[in-house]
């Protein structure tokens, strides 16, 4: 269960990172 929890947390973190990347792209569209 602990491993699963860690994996889920990792996914949540990755999603936030993606959101930040999208925001950056929006700020400076290619």
PDB file of N, CA and C in Angstrom:
ATOM      1  N   UNK A   1       0.852  -1.203   0.000  1.00  0.00           N
ATOM      2  CA  UNK A   1       0.000   0.000   0.000  1.00  0.00           C
ATOM      3  C   UNK A   1       0.893   1.260   0.000  1.00  0.00           C
ATOM      4  N   UNK A   2       1.969   1.205   0.761  1.00  0.00           N
ATOM      5  CA  UNK A   2       2.841   2.376   0.825  1.00  0.00           C
ATOM      6  C   UNK A   2       3.399   2.678  -0.585  1.00  0.00           C
ATOM      7  N   UNK A   3       3.804   1.631  -1.274  1.00  0.00           N
ATOM      8  CA  UNK A   3       4.373   1.833  -2.616  1.00  0.00           C
ATOM      9  C   UNK A   3       3.330   2.488  -3.532  1.00  0.00           C
ATOM     10  N   UNK A   4       2.100   1.970  -3.445  1.00  0.00           N
ATOM     11  CA  UNK A   4       1.037   2.525  -4.292  1.00  0.00           C
ATOM     12  C   UNK A   4       0.824   4.010  -3.963  1.00  0.00           C
ATOM     13  N   UNK A   5       0.824   4.303  -2.683  1.00  0.00           N
ATOM     14  CA  UNK A   5       0.610   5.694  -2.275  1.00  0.00           C
ATOM     15  C   UNK A   5       1.708   6.572  -2.869  1.00  0.00           C
ATOM     16  N   UNK A   6       2.945   6.092  -2.785  1.00  0.00           N
ATOM     17  CA  UNK A   6       4.073   6.859  -3.317  1.00  0.00           C
ATOM     18  C   UNK A   6       3.911   7.060  -4.819  1.00  0.00           C
ATOM     19  N   UNK A   7       3.472   6.014  -5.496  1.00  0.00           N
ATOM     20  CA  UNK A   7       3.305   6.109  -6.950  1.00  0.00           C
ATOM     21  C   UNK A   7       2.243   7.161  -7.279  1.00  0.00           C
ATOM     22  N   UNK A   8       1.151   7.116  -6.533  1.00  0.00           N
ATOM     23  CA  UNK A   8       0.062   8.063  -6.772  1.00  0.00           C
ATOM     24  C   UNK A   8       0.564   9.495  -6.555  1.00  0.00           C
ATOM     25  N   UNK A   9       1.358   9.680  -5.475  1.00  0.00           N
ATOM     26  CA  UNK A   9       1.885  11.010  -5.180  1.00  0.00           C
ATOM     27  C   UNK A   9       2.778  11.466  -6.333  1.00  0.00           C
ATOM     28  N   UNK A  10       3.554  10.535  -6.861  1.00  0.00           N
ATOM     29  CA  UNK A  10       4.470  10.868  -7.959  1.00  0.00           C
ATOM     30  C   UNK A  10       3.660  11.358  -9.162  1.00  0.00           C
ATOM     31  N   UNK A  11       2.567  10.678  -9.440  1.00  0.00           N
ATOM     32  CA  UNK A  11       1.727  11.070 -10.579  1.00  0.00           C
ATOM     33  C   UNK A  11       1.165  12.475 -10.346  1.00  0.00           C
ATOM     34  N   UNK A  12       0.717  12.734  -9.140  1.00  0.00           N
ATOM     35  CA  UNK A  12       0.148  14.044  -8.826  1.00  0.00           C
ATOM     36  C   UNK A  12       1.218  15.117  -9.052  1.00  0.00           C
ATOM     37  N   UNK A  13       2.440  14.843  -8.609  1.00  0.00           N
ATOM     38  CA  UNK A  13       3.530  15.800  -8.763  1.00  0.00           C
ATOM     39  C   UNK A  13       3.802  16.029 -10.247  1.00  0.00           C
ATOM     40  N   UNK A  14       3.806  14.950 -11.002  1.00  0.00           N
ATOM     41  CA  UNK A  14       4.077  15.068 -12.444  1.00  0.00           C
ATOM     42  C   UNK A  14       3.005  15.929 -13.100  1.00  0.00           C
ATOM     43  N   UNK A  15       1.772  15.734 -12.689  1.00  0.00           N
ATOM     44  CA  UNK A  15       0.673  16.519 -13.277  1.00  0.00           C
ATOM     45  C   UNK A  15       0.904  18.002 -13.010  1.00  0.00           C
ATOM     46  N   UNK A  16       1.321  18.319 -11.800  1.00  0.00           N
ATOM     47  CA  UNK A  16       1.564  19.732 -11.466  1.00  0.00           C
ATOM     48  C   UNK A  16       2.692  20.269 -12.338  1.00  0.00           C
ATOM     49  N   UNK A  17       3.718  19.428 -12.540  1.00  0.00           N
ATOM     50  CA  UNK A  17       4.855  19.856 -13.349  1.00  0.00           C
ATOM     51  C   UNK A  17       4.382  20.136 -14.774  1.00  0.00           C
ATOM     52  N   UNK A  18       3.519  19.279 -15.289  1.00  0.00           N
ATOM     53  CA  UNK A  18       3.000  19.467 -16.648  1.00  0.00           C
ATOM     54  C   UNK A  18       2.214  20.776 -16.715  1.00  0.00           C
ATOM     55  N   UNK A  19       1.415  21.033 -15.689  1.00  0.00           N
ATOM     56  CA  UNK A  19       0.612  22.269 -15.677  1.00  0.00           C
ATOM     57  C   UNK A  19       1.543  23.470 -15.762  1.00  0.00           C
ATOM     58  N   UNK A  20       2.652  23.412 -15.018  1.00  0.00           N
ATOM     59  CA  UNK A  20       3.593  24.533 -15.026  1.00  0.00           C
ATOM     60  C   UNK A  20       4.180  24.696 -16.425  1.00  0.00           C
ATOM     61  N   UNK A  21       4.506  23.554 -17.063  1.00  0.00           N
ATOM     62  CA  UNK A  21       5.077  23.605 -18.414  1.00  0.00           C
ATOM     63  C   UNK A  21       4.069  24.232 -19.369  1.00  0.00           C
ATOM     64  N   UNK A  22       2.810  23.839 -19.249  1.00  0.00           N
ATOM     65  CA  UNK A  22       1.763  24.385 -20.125  1.00  0.00           C
ATOM     66  C   UNK A  22       1.672  25.887 -19.909  1.00  0.00           C
ATOM     67  N   UNK A  23       1.736  26.304 -18.664  1.00  0.00           N
ATOM     68  CA  UNK A  23       1.646  27.730 -18.349  1.00  0.00           C
ATOM     69  C   UNK A  23       2.820  28.461 -19.014  1.00  0.00           C
ATOM     70  N   UNK A  24       4.002  27.853 -18.961  1.00  0.00           N
ATOM     71  CA  UNK A  24       5.190  28.466 -19.547  1.00  0.00           C
ATOM     72  C   UNK A  24       5.007  28.569 -21.058  1.00  0.00           C
ATOM     73  N   UNK A  25       4.490  27.506 -21.674  1.00  0.00           N
ATOM     74  CA  UNK A  25       4.273  27.520 -23.124  1.00  0.00           C
ATOM     75  C   UNK A  25       3.269  28.631 -23.480  1.00  0.00           C
ATOM     76  N   UNK A  26       2.248  28.763 -22.674  1.00  0.00           N
ATOM     77  CA  UNK A  26       1.218  29.765 -22.941  1.00  0.00           C
ATOM     78  C   UNK A  26       1.839  31.162 -22.825  1.00  0.00           C
ATOM     79  N   UNK A  27       2.749  31.307 -21.873  1.00  0.00           N
ATOM     80  CA  UNK A  27       3.387  32.600 -21.660  1.00  0.00           C
ATOM     81  C   UNK A  27       4.240  32.966 -22.883  1.00  0.00           C
ATOM     82  N   UNK A  28       4.867  31.936 -23.474  1.00  0.00           N
ATOM     83  CA  UNK A  28       5.738  32.170 -24.638  1.00  0.00           C
ATOM     84  C   UNK A  28       5.424  31.134 -25.704  1.00  0.00           C
ATOM     85  N   UNK A  29       4.304  31.293 -26.400  1.00  0.00           N
ATOM     86  CA  UNK A  29       3.903  30.309 -27.414  1.00  0.00           C
ATOM     87  C   UNK A  29       4.952  30.181 -28.501  1.00  0.00           C
ATOM     88  N   UNK A  30       5.088  28.968 -29.023  1.00  0.00           N
ATOM     89  CA  UNK A  30       6.112  28.727 -30.044  1.00  0.00           C
ATOM     90  C   UNK A  30       5.517  29.044 -31.412  1.00  0.00           C
TER      91      UNK A  30
END
